[in-house]
Amino acid sequence: MMDYPVLDTKATGERIKELRMAHNLKVEDIALYMGLESVQAVYKWQRGESLPSVDNLYALSKLFETSIDDILKGKEEEDESPLLPFCA
Protein backbone atom coordinates (compact mmCIF):
# COMPACT_ATOMS: atom_id res chain seq x y z
CA MET A 1 0.00 0.00 0.00
CA MET A 2 1.28 3.44 -0.94
CA ASP A 3 1.78 6.05 1.79
CA TYR A 4 -0.67 8.93 1.64
CA PRO A 5 1.30 12.09 0.74
CA VAL A 6 1.09 14.89 3.31
CA LEU A 7 2.37 18.44 2.95
CA ASP A 8 4.78 19.88 5.48
CA THR A 9 3.22 23.30 6.14
CA LYS A 10 6.37 24.60 7.89
CA ALA A 11 8.58 23.62 4.93
CA THR A 12 6.06 25.15 2.50
CA GLY A 13 6.08 28.37 4.52
CA GLU A 14 9.86 28.45 4.47
CA ARG A 15 9.79 27.88 0.71
CA ILE A 16 7.34 30.77 0.19
CA LYS A 17 9.64 33.05 2.21
CA GLU A 18 12.69 31.81 0.28
CA LEU A 19 11.01 32.48 -3.08
CA ARG A 20 9.78 35.90 -1.91
CA MET A 21 13.28 36.91 -0.85
CA ALA A 22 14.86 35.52 -4.04
CA HIS A 23 12.56 37.82 -6.01
CA ASN A 24 13.38 40.82 -3.76
CA LEU A 25 9.77 41.17 -2.68
CA LYS A 26 8.42 42.37 0.65
CA VAL A 27 5.45 40.72 2.34
CA GLU A 28 3.54 43.92 1.54
CA ASP A 29 4.32 43.46 -2.17
CA ILE A 30 2.78 39.99 -2.15
CA ALA A 31 -0.30 41.15 -0.24
CA LEU A 32 -0.78 44.00 -2.73
CA TYR A 33 -0.28 41.70 -5.77
CA MET A 34 -2.78 39.19 -4.38
CA GLY A 35 -5.35 41.83 -3.42
CA LEU A 36 -5.20 40.89 0.26
CA GLU A 37 -6.51 43.42 2.76
CA SER A 38 -3.61 42.84 5.15
CA VAL A 39 -0.23 41.12 5.28
CA GLN A 40 -1.32 38.68 7.98
CA ALA A 41 -2.22 35.87 5.55
CA VAL A 42 1.25 36.01 3.96
CA TYR A 43 2.91 35.91 7.40
CA LYS A 44 0.74 32.91 8.36
CA TRP A 45 1.81 31.10 5.17
CA GLN A 46 5.48 31.85 5.89
CA ARG A 47 5.19 30.57 9.47
CA GLY A 48 3.45 27.40 8.28
CA GLU A 49 0.29 28.20 10.23
CA SER A 50 -1.84 27.90 7.10
CA LEU A 51 -1.52 27.15 3.41
CA PRO A 52 -2.56 29.45 0.57
CA SER A 53 -5.79 28.57 -1.21
CA VAL A 54 -5.54 26.93 -4.63
CA ASP A 55 -6.23 30.31 -6.27
CA ASN A 56 -3.51 31.95 -4.19
CA LEU A 57 -1.05 29.13 -4.93
CA TYR A 58 -1.70 29.62 -8.63
CA ALA A 59 -1.10 33.38 -8.30
CA LEU A 60 2.10 32.78 -6.29
CA SER A 61 3.35 30.36 -8.94
CA LYS A 62 2.92 33.07 -11.59
CA LEU A 63 4.53 35.74 -9.40
CA PHE A 64 7.51 33.51 -8.56
CA GLU A 65 7.67 32.02 -12.07
CA THR A 66 7.66 28.46 -10.75
CA SER A 67 5.31 25.51 -10.33
CA ILE A 68 2.80 25.02 -7.54
CA ASP A 69 4.66 21.78 -6.76
CA ASP A 70 7.87 23.74 -6.25
CA ILE A 71 6.10 26.08 -3.83
CA LEU A 72 4.54 23.22 -1.88
CA LYS A 73 7.48 20.81 -1.81
CA GLY A 74 10.56 22.48 -3.25
CA LYS A 75 12.44 21.34 -6.33
CA GLU A 76 14.92 19.18 -4.46
CA GLU A 77 12.26 16.83 -3.08
CA GLU A 78 11.46 14.01 -5.45
CA ASP A 79 8.46 11.75 -5.15
CA GLU A 80 9.61 8.51 -3.59
CA SER A 81 7.10 6.31 -5.33
CA PRO A 82 5.46 6.56 -8.73
CA LEU A 83 1.81 7.51 -8.88
CA LEU A 84 -0.44 4.52 -9.25
CA PRO A 85 -3.90 4.65 -10.77
CA PHE A 86 -6.57 4.96 -8.12
CA CYS A 87 -8.43 1.69 -7.71
CA ALA A 88 -11.68 1.72 -5.77
PDB file of N, CA and C in Angstrom:
ATOM      1  N   MET A   1       0.843  -1.189   0.000  1.00  0.00           N
ATOM      2  CA  MET A   1       0.000   0.000   0.000  1.00  0.00           C
ATOM      3  C   MET A   1       0.885   1.248   0.000  1.00  0.00           C
ATOM      4  N   MET A   2       0.517   2.206  -0.811  1.00  0.00           N
ATOM      5  CA  MET A   2       1.284   3.441  -0.937  1.00  0.00           C
ATOM      6  C   MET A   2       0.957   4.389   0.215  1.00  0.00           C
ATOM      7  N   ASP A   3       1.999   5.064   0.739  1.00  0.00           N
ATOM      8  CA  ASP A   3       1.778   6.050   1.795  1.00  0.00           C
ATOM      9  C   ASP A   3       1.025   7.247   1.240  1.00  0.00           C
ATOM     10  N   TYR A   4       0.097   7.744   2.020  1.00  0.00           N
ATOM     11  CA  TYR A   4      -0.671   8.928   1.642  1.00  0.00           C
ATOM     12  C   TYR A   4       0.237  10.153   1.760  1.00  0.00           C
ATOM     13  N   PRO A   5       0.404  10.924   0.677  1.00  0.00           N
ATOM     14  CA  PRO A   5       1.300  12.086   0.742  1.00  0.00           C
ATOM     15  C   PRO A   5       0.696  13.209   1.588  1.00  0.00           C
ATOM     16  N   VAL A   6       1.520  13.800   2.437  1.00  0.00           N
ATOM     17  CA  VAL A   6       1.092  14.890   3.309  1.00  0.00           C
ATOM     18  C   VAL A   6       2.065  16.050   3.142  1.00  0.00           C
ATOM     19  N   LEU A   7       1.530  17.247   3.083  1.00  0.00           N
ATOM     20  CA  LEU A   7       2.374  18.435   2.949  1.00  0.00           C
ATOM     21  C   LEU A   7       2.926  18.858   4.300  1.00  0.00           C
ATOM     22  N   ASP A   8       4.144  19.314   4.300  1.00  0.00           N
ATOM     23  CA  ASP A   8       4.776  19.880   5.483  1.00  0.00           C
ATOM     24  C   ASP A   8       4.535  21.390   5.429  1.00  0.00           C
ATOM     25  N   THR A   9       3.591  21.886   6.222  1.00  0.00           N
ATOM     26  CA  THR A   9       3.218  23.299   6.141  1.00  0.00           C
ATOM     27  C   THR A   9       4.377  24.217   6.534  1.00  0.00           C
ATOM     28  N   LYS A  10       5.201  23.788   7.489  1.00  0.00           N
ATOM     29  CA  LYS A  10       6.367  24.602   7.889  1.00  0.00           C
ATOM     30  C   LYS A  10       7.345  24.729   6.722  1.00  0.00           C
ATOM     31  N   ALA A  11       7.643  23.607   6.060  1.00  0.00           N
ATOM     32  CA  ALA A  11       8.576  23.624   4.931  1.00  0.00           C
ATOM     33  C   ALA A  11       8.005  24.448   3.780  1.00  0.00           C
ATOM     34  N   THR A  12       6.695  24.354   3.548  1.00  0.00           N
ATOM     35  CA  THR A  12       6.059  25.149   2.502  1.00  0.00           C
ATOM     36  C   THR A  12       6.172  26.636   2.833  1.00  0.00           C
ATOM     37  N   GLY A  13       5.946  26.977   4.086  1.00  0.00           N
ATOM     38  CA  GLY A  13       6.082  28.375   4.516  1.00  0.00           C
ATOM     39  C   GLY A  13       7.489  28.894   4.321  1.00  0.00           C
ATOM     40  N   GLU A  14       8.464  28.068   4.669  1.00  0.00           N
ATOM     41  CA  GLU A  14       9.863  28.454   4.474  1.00  0.00           C
ATOM     42  C   GLU A  14      10.158  28.644   2.994  1.00  0.00           C
ATOM     43  N   ARG A  15       9.580  27.790   2.148  1.00  0.00           N
ATOM     44  CA  ARG A  15       9.786  27.884   0.708  1.00  0.00           C
ATOM     45  C   ARG A  15       9.164  29.165   0.152  1.00  0.00           C
ATOM     46  N   ILE A  16       7.978  29.532   0.634  1.00  0.00           N
ATOM     47  CA  ILE A  16       7.340  30.774   0.192  1.00  0.00           C
ATOM     48  C   ILE A  16       8.234  31.961   0.557  1.00  0.00           C
ATOM     49  N   LYS A  17       8.759  31.963   1.778  1.00  0.00           N
ATOM     50  CA  LYS A  17       9.642  33.050   2.208  1.00  0.00           C
ATOM     51  C   LYS A  17      10.914  33.079   1.358  1.00  0.00           C
ATOM     52  N   GLU A  18      11.478  31.916   1.104  1.00  0.00           N
ATOM     53  CA  GLU A  18      12.693  31.810   0.282  1.00  0.00           C
ATOM     54  C   GLU A  18      12.458  32.370  -1.127  1.00  0.00           C
ATOM     55  N   LEU A  19      11.342  31.987  -1.736  1.00  0.00           N
ATOM     56  CA  LEU A  19      11.013  32.478  -3.078  1.00  0.00           C
ATOM     57  C   LEU A  19      10.754  33.983  -3.068  1.00  0.00           C
ATOM     58  N   ARG A  20      10.062  34.460  -2.032  1.00  0.00           N
ATOM     59  CA  ARG A  20       9.783  35.897  -1.914  1.00  0.00           C
ATOM     60  C   ARG A  20      11.086  36.683  -1.851  1.00  0.00           C
ATOM     61  N   MET A  21      12.004  36.216  -1.011  1.00  0.00           N
ATOM     62  CA  MET A  21      13.275  36.915  -0.847  1.00  0.00           C
ATOM     63  C   MET A  21      14.127  36.833  -2.123  1.00  0.00           C
ATOM     64  N   ALA A  22      14.089  35.690  -2.793  1.00  0.00           N
ATOM     65  CA  ALA A  22      14.855  35.520  -4.036  1.00  0.00           C
ATOM     66  C   ALA A  22      14.374  36.481  -5.123  1.00  0.00           C
ATOM     67  N   HIS A  23      13.116  36.890  -5.029  1.00  0.00           N
ATOM     68  CA  HIS A  23      12.559  37.824  -6.005  1.00  0.00           C
ATOM     69  C   HIS A  23      12.562  39.269  -5.476  1.00  0.00           C
ATOM     70  N   ASN A  24      13.265  39.481  -4.359  1.00  0.00           N
ATOM     71  CA  ASN A  24      13.379  40.824  -3.757  1.00  0.00           C
ATOM     72  C   ASN A  24      12.027  41.476  -3.506  1.00  0.00           C
ATOM     73  N   LEU A  25      11.106  40.673  -2.991  1.00  0.00           N
ATOM     74  CA  LEU A  25       9.770  41.172  -2.684  1.00  0.00           C
ATOM     75  C   LEU A  25       9.574  41.255  -1.178  1.00  0.00           C
ATOM     76  N   LYS A  26       8.812  42.256  -0.756  1.00  0.00           N
ATOM     77  CA  LYS A  26       8.422  42.374   0.648  1.00  0.00           C
ATOM     78  C   LYS A  26       7.073  41.671   0.811  1.00  0.00           C
ATOM     79  N   VAL A  27       6.752  41.330   2.046  1.00  0.00           N
ATOM     80  CA  VAL A  27       5.447  40.725   2.342  1.00  0.00           C
ATOM     81  C   VAL A  27       4.341  41.645   1.837  1.00  0.00           C
ATOM     82  N   GLU A  28       4.529  42.941   1.996  1.00  0.00           N
ATOM     83  CA  GLU A  28       3.535  43.921   1.543  1.00  0.00           C
ATOM     84  C   GLU A  28       3.338  43.837   0.021  1.00  0.00           C
ATOM     85  N   ASP A  29       4.425  43.588  -0.712  1.00  0.00           N
ATOM     86  CA  ASP A  29       4.325  43.462  -2.168  1.00  0.00           C
ATOM     87  C   ASP A  29       3.426  42.291  -2.557  1.00  0.00           C
ATOM     88  N   ILE A  30       3.594  41.172  -1.848  1.00  0.00           N
ATOM     89  CA  ILE A  30       2.783  39.995  -2.151  1.00  0.00           C
ATOM     90  C   ILE A  30       1.323  40.258  -1.806  1.00  0.00           C
ATOM     91  N   ALA A  31       1.078  40.849  -0.644  1.00  0.00           N
ATOM     92  CA  ALA A  31      -0.300  41.154  -0.238  1.00  0.00           C
ATOM     93  C   ALA A  31      -0.963  42.073  -1.263  1.00  0.00           C
ATOM     94  N   LEU A  32      -0.235  43.081  -1.739  1.00  0.00           N
ATOM     95  CA  LEU A  32      -0.779  44.001  -2.732  1.00  0.00           C
ATOM     96  C   LEU A  32      -1.064  43.278  -4.045  1.00  0.00           C
ATOM     97  N   TYR A  33      -0.123  42.461  -4.525  1.00  0.00           N
ATOM     98  CA  TYR A  33      -0.278  41.703  -5.769  1.00  0.00           C
ATOM     99  C   TYR A  33      -1.502  40.790  -5.701  1.00  0.00           C
ATOM    100  N   MET A  34      -1.712  40.174  -4.530  1.00  0.00           N
ATOM    101  CA  MET A  34      -2.784  39.194  -4.378  1.00  0.00           C
ATOM    102  C   MET A  34      -4.124  39.843  -4.014  1.00  0.00           C
ATOM    103  N   GLY A  35      -4.112  41.144  -3.767  1.00  0.00           N
ATOM    104  CA  GLY A  35      -5.351  41.830  -3.415  1.00  0.00           C
ATOM    105  C   GLY A  35      -5.810  41.520  -2.003  1.00  0.00           C
ATOM    106  N   LEU A  36      -4.859  41.186  -1.133  1.00  0.00           N
ATOM    107  CA  LEU A  36      -5.204  40.887   0.260  1.00  0.00           C
ATOM    108  C   LEU A  36      -5.350  42.187   1.038  1.00  0.00           C
ATOM    109  N   GLU A  37      -6.271  42.198   1.995  1.00  0.00           N
ATOM    110  CA  GLU A  37      -6.512  43.417   2.762  1.00  0.00           C
ATOM    111  C   GLU A  37      -5.421  43.690   3.783  1.00  0.00           C
ATOM    112  N   SER A  38      -4.713  42.644   4.206  1.00  0.00           N
ATOM    113  CA  SER A  38      -3.609  42.840   5.146  1.00  0.00           C
ATOM    114  C   SER A  38      -2.507  41.836   4.836  1.00  0.00           C
ATOM    115  N   VAL A  39      -1.378  41.997   5.497  1.00  0.00           N
ATOM    116  CA  VAL A  39      -0.227  41.121   5.277  1.00  0.00           C
ATOM    117  C   VAL A  39      -0.290  39.855   6.126  1.00  0.00           C
ATOM    118  N   GLN A  40      -1.274  39.777   7.016  1.00  0.00           N
ATOM    119  CA  GLN A  40      -1.317  38.675   7.979  1.00  0.00           C
ATOM    120  C   GLN A  40      -1.383  37.297   7.324  1.00  0.00           C
ATOM    121  N   ALA A  41      -2.125  37.164   6.231  1.00  0.00           N
ATOM    122  CA  ALA A  41      -2.224  35.869   5.548  1.00  0.00           C
ATOM    123  C   ALA A  41      -0.849  35.418   5.060  1.00  0.00           C
ATOM    124  N   VAL A  42      -0.082  36.346   4.481  1.00  0.00           N
ATOM    125  CA  VAL A  42       1.247  36.012   3.962  1.00  0.00           C
ATOM    126  C   VAL A  42       2.152  35.581   5.109  1.00  0.00           C
ATOM    127  N   TYR A  43       2.094  36.303   6.234  1.00  0.00           N
ATOM    128  CA  TYR A  43       2.905  35.914   7.399  1.00  0.00           C
ATOM    129  C   TYR A  43       2.501  34.532   7.918  1.00  0.00           C
ATOM    130  N   LYS A  44       1.209  34.231   7.917  1.00  0.00           N
ATOM    131  CA  LYS A  44       0.743  32.905   8.358  1.00  0.00           C
ATOM    132  C   LYS A  44       1.263  31.814   7.438  1.00  0.00           C
ATOM    133  N   TRP A  45       1.259  32.082   6.116  1.00  0.00           N
ATOM    134  CA  TRP A  45       1.811  31.100   5.172  1.00  0.00           C
ATOM    135  C   TRP A  45       3.286  30.866   5.473  1.00  0.00           C
ATOM    136  N   GLN A  46       4.039  31.955   5.665  1.00  0.00           N
ATOM    137  CA  GLN A  46       5.479  31.853   5.894  1.00  0.00           C
ATOM    138  C   GLN A  46       5.807  31.125   7.192  1.00  0.00           C
ATOM    139  N   ARG A  47       4.956  31.265   8.193  1.00  0.00           N
ATOM    140  CA  ARG A  47       5.189  30.566   9.472  1.00  0.00           C
ATOM    141  C   ARG A  47       4.687  29.124   9.435  1.00  0.00           C
ATOM    142  N   GLY A  48       3.987  28.751   8.370  1.00  0.00           N
ATOM    143  CA  GLY A  48       3.447  27.404   8.276  1.00  0.00           C
ATOM    144  C   GLY A  48       2.187  27.200   9.093  1.00  0.00           C
ATOM    145  N   GLU A  49       1.532  28.294   9.447  1.00  0.00           N
ATOM    146  CA  GLU A  49       0.289  28.200  10.229  1.00  0.00           C
ATOM    147  C   GLU A  49      -0.912  27.896   9.346  1.00  0.00           C
ATOM    148  N   SER A  50      -0.792  28.218   8.061  1.00  0.00           N
ATOM    149  CA  SER A  50      -1.842  27.902   7.100  1.00  0.00           C
ATOM    150  C   SER A  50      -1.218  27.823   5.716  1.00  0.00           C
ATOM    151  N   LEU A  51      -1.965  27.247   4.797  1.00  0.00           N
ATOM    152  CA  LEU A  51      -1.516  27.153   3.408  1.00  0.00           C
ATOM    153  C   LEU A  51      -2.354  28.080   2.546  1.00  0.00           C
ATOM    154  N   PRO A  52      -1.762  28.633   1.490  1.00  0.00           N
ATOM    155  CA  PRO A  52      -2.556  29.450   0.573  1.00  0.00           C
ATOM    156  C   PRO A  52      -3.645  28.609  -0.092  1.00  0.00           C
ATOM    157  N   SER A  53      -4.743  29.247  -0.462  1.00  0.00           N
ATOM    158  CA  SER A  53      -5.794  28.565  -1.209  1.00  0.00           C
ATOM    159  C   SER A  53      -5.238  28.165  -2.575  1.00  0.00           C
ATOM    160  N   VAL A  54      -5.969  27.342  -3.286  1.00  0.00           N
ATOM    161  CA  VAL A  54      -5.543  26.926  -4.626  1.00  0.00           C
ATOM    162  C   VAL A  54      -5.388  28.152  -5.529  1.00  0.00           C
ATOM    163  N   ASP A  55      -6.328  29.084  -5.466  1.00  0.00           N
ATOM    164  CA  ASP A  55      -6.235  30.305  -6.266  1.00  0.00           C
ATOM    165  C   ASP A  55      -4.970  31.094  -5.915  1.00  0.00           C
ATOM    166  N   ASN A  56      -4.693  31.205  -4.621  1.00  0.00           N
ATOM    167  CA  ASN A  56      -3.510  31.946  -4.188  1.00  0.00           C
ATOM    168  C   ASN A  56      -2.224  31.222  -4.557  1.00  0.00           C
ATOM    169  N   LEU A  57      -2.223  29.894  -4.492  1.00  0.00           N
ATOM    170  CA  LEU A  57      -1.049  29.130  -4.926  1.00  0.00           C
ATOM    171  C   LEU A  57      -0.781  29.361  -6.405  1.00  0.00           C
ATOM    172  N   TYR A  58      -1.843  29.379  -7.198  1.00  0.00           N
ATOM    173  CA  TYR A  58      -1.698  29.620  -8.631  1.00  0.00           C
ATOM    174  C   TYR A  58      -1.094  31.007  -8.867  1.00  0.00           C
ATOM    175  N   ALA A  59      -1.616  32.012  -8.155  1.00  0.00           N
ATOM    176  CA  ALA A  59      -1.101  33.378  -8.301  1.00  0.00           C
ATOM    177  C   ALA A  59       0.363  33.453  -7.856  1.00  0.00           C
ATOM    178  N   LEU A  60       0.708  32.793  -6.760  1.00  0.00           N
ATOM    179  CA  LEU A  60       2.101  32.777  -6.294  1.00  0.00           C
ATOM    180  C   LEU A  60       3.012  32.116  -7.320  1.00  0.00           C
ATOM    181  N   SER A  61       2.525  31.048  -7.950  1.00  0.00           N
ATOM    182  CA  SER A  61       3.349  30.357  -8.943  1.00  0.00           C
ATOM    183  C   SER A  61       3.653  31.273 -10.126  1.00  0.00           C
ATOM    184  N   LYS A  62       2.699  32.108 -10.509  1.00  0.00           N
ATOM    185  CA  LYS A  62       2.924  33.066 -11.593  1.00  0.00           C
ATOM    186  C   LYS A  62       3.873  34.174 -11.142  1.00  0.00           C
ATOM    187  N   LEU A  63       3.670  34.674  -9.936  1.00  0.00           N
ATOM    188  CA  LEU A  63       4.526  35.737  -9.398  1.00  0.00           C
ATOM    189  C   LEU A  63       5.976  35.270  -9.277  1.00  0.00           C
ATOM    190  N   PHE A  64       6.160  34.047  -8.780  1.00  0.00           N
ATOM    191  CA  PHE A  64       7.512  33.512  -8.557  1.00  0.00           C
ATOM    192  C   PHE A  64       8.068  32.782  -9.782  1.00  0.00           C
ATOM    193  N   GLU A  65       7.267  32.690 -10.835  1.00  0.00           N
ATOM    194  CA  GLU A  65       7.671  32.019 -12.074  1.00  0.00           C
ATOM    195  C   GLU A  65       8.159  30.593 -11.802  1.00  0.00           C
ATOM    196  N   THR A  66       7.339  29.847 -11.078  1.00  0.00           N
ATOM    197  CA  THR A  66       7.663  28.463 -10.751  1.00  0.00           C
ATOM    198  C   THR A  66       6.372  27.655 -10.672  1.00  0.00           C
ATOM    199  N   SER A  67       6.492  26.373 -10.405  1.00  0.00           N
ATOM    200  CA  SER A  67       5.307  25.513 -10.328  1.00  0.00           C
ATOM    201  C   SER A  67       4.712  25.528  -8.919  1.00  0.00           C
ATOM    202  N   ILE A  68       3.455  25.166  -8.841  1.00  0.00           N
ATOM    203  CA  ILE A  68       2.802  25.024  -7.545  1.00  0.00           C
ATOM    204  C   ILE A  68       3.517  23.933  -6.745  1.00  0.00           C
ATOM    205  N   ASP A  69       3.912  22.859  -7.421  1.00  0.00           N
ATOM    206  CA  ASP A  69       4.657  21.778  -6.763  1.00  0.00           C
ATOM    207  C   ASP A  69       5.933  22.299  -6.107  1.00  0.00           C
ATOM    208  N   ASP A  70       6.640  23.180  -6.802  1.00  0.00           N
ATOM    209  CA  ASP A  70       7.871  23.743  -6.251  1.00  0.00           C
ATOM    210  C   ASP A  70       7.568  24.561  -5.000  1.00  0.00           C
ATOM    211  N   ILE A  71       6.474  25.298  -5.009  1.00  0.00           N
ATOM    212  CA  ILE A  71       6.101  26.085  -3.833  1.00  0.00           C
ATOM    213  C   ILE A  71       5.755  25.154  -2.669  1.00  0.00           C
ATOM    214  N   LEU A  72       4.992  24.120  -2.945  1.00  0.00           N
ATOM    215  CA  LEU A  72       4.539  23.219  -1.884  1.00  0.00           C
ATOM    216  C   LEU A  72       5.634  22.305  -1.345  1.00  0.00           C
ATOM    217  N   LYS A  73       6.509  21.822  -2.226  1.00  0.00           N
ATOM    218  CA  LYS A  73       7.479  20.809  -1.815  1.00  0.00           C
ATOM    219  C   LYS A  73       8.929  21.212  -2.018  1.00  0.00           C
ATOM    220  N   GLY A  74       9.186  22.142  -2.906  1.00  0.00           N
ATOM    221  CA  GLY A  74      10.560  22.483  -3.251  1.00  0.00           C
ATOM    222  C   GLY A  74      11.051  21.591  -4.367  1.00  0.00           C
ATOM    223  N   LYS A  75      11.961  22.094  -5.167  1.00  0.00           N
ATOM    224  CA  LYS A  75      12.444  21.343  -6.326  1.00  0.00           C
ATOM    225  C   LYS A  75      13.296  20.149  -5.943  1.00  0.00           C
ATOM    226  N   GLU A  76      13.997  20.244  -4.811  1.00  0.00           N
ATOM    227  CA  GLU A  76      14.919  19.176  -4.456  1.00  0.00           C
ATOM    228  C   GLU A  76      14.233  17.897  -3.998  1.00  0.00           C
ATOM    229  N   GLU A  77      12.980  18.015  -3.557  1.00  0.00           N
ATOM    230  CA  GLU A  77      12.262  16.829  -3.083  1.00  0.00           C
ATOM    231  C   GLU A  77      11.666  16.081  -4.262  1.00  0.00           C
ATOM    232  N   GLU A  78      12.001  14.854  -4.377  1.00  0.00           N
ATOM    233  CA  GLU A  78      11.458  14.009  -5.453  1.00  0.00           C
ATOM    234  C   GLU A  78      10.424  13.067  -4.845  1.00  0.00           C
ATOM    235  N   ASP A  79       9.425  12.741  -5.616  1.00  0.00           N
ATOM    236  CA  ASP A  79       8.458  11.752  -5.154  1.00  0.00           C
ATOM    237  C   ASP A  79       9.170  10.422  -4.995  1.00  0.00           C
ATOM    238  N   GLU A  80       8.921   9.765  -3.869  1.00  0.00           N
ATOM    239  CA  GLU A  80       9.609   8.509  -3.592  1.00  0.00           C
ATOM    240  C   GLU A  80       8.994   7.326  -4.303  1.00  0.00           C
ATOM    241  N   SER A  81       7.729   7.435  -4.642  1.00  0.00           N
ATOM    242  CA  SER A  81       7.098   6.313  -5.328  1.00  0.00           C
ATOM    243  C   SER A  81       6.290   6.845  -6.502  1.00  0.00           C
ATOM    244  N   PRO A  82       6.227   6.099  -7.578  1.00  0.00           N
ATOM    245  CA  PRO A  82       5.460   6.559  -8.731  1.00  0.00           C
ATOM    246  C   PRO A  82       3.971   6.586  -8.402  1.00  0.00           C
ATOM    247  N   LEU A  83       3.265   7.439  -9.085  1.00  0.00           N
ATOM    248  CA  LEU A  83       1.811   7.509  -8.884  1.00  0.00           C
ATOM    249  C   LEU A  83       1.170   6.265  -9.502  1.00  0.00           C
ATOM    250  N   LEU A  84       0.286   5.691  -8.758  1.00  0.00           N
ATOM    251  CA  LEU A  84      -0.442   4.521  -9.249  1.00  0.00           C
ATOM    252  C   LEU A  84      -1.869   4.931  -9.536  1.00  0.00           C
ATOM    253  N   PRO A  85      -2.490   4.311 -10.514  1.00  0.00           N
ATOM    254  CA  PRO A  85      -3.897   4.650 -10.769  1.00  0.00           C
ATOM    255  C   PRO A  85      -4.739   4.333  -9.538  1.00  0.00           C
ATOM    256  N   PHE A  86      -5.700   5.170  -9.270  1.00  0.00           N
ATOM    257  CA  PHE A  86      -6.573   4.959  -8.121  1.00  0.00           C
ATOM    258  C   PHE A  86      -7.521   3.805  -8.421  1.00  0.00           C
ATOM    259  N   CYS A  87      -7.540   2.850  -7.544  1.00  0.00           N
ATOM    260  CA  CYS A  87      -8.426   1.686  -7.708  1.00  0.00           C
ATOM    261  C   CYS A  87      -9.401   1.682  -6.537  1.00  0.00           C
ATOM    262  N   ALA A  88     -10.683   1.700  -6.831  1.00  0.00           N
ATOM    263  CA  ALA A  88     -11.683   1.719  -5.766  1.00  0.00           C
ATOM    264  C   ALA A  88     -12.121   0.304  -5.450  1.00  0.00           C
TER     265      ALA A  88
END
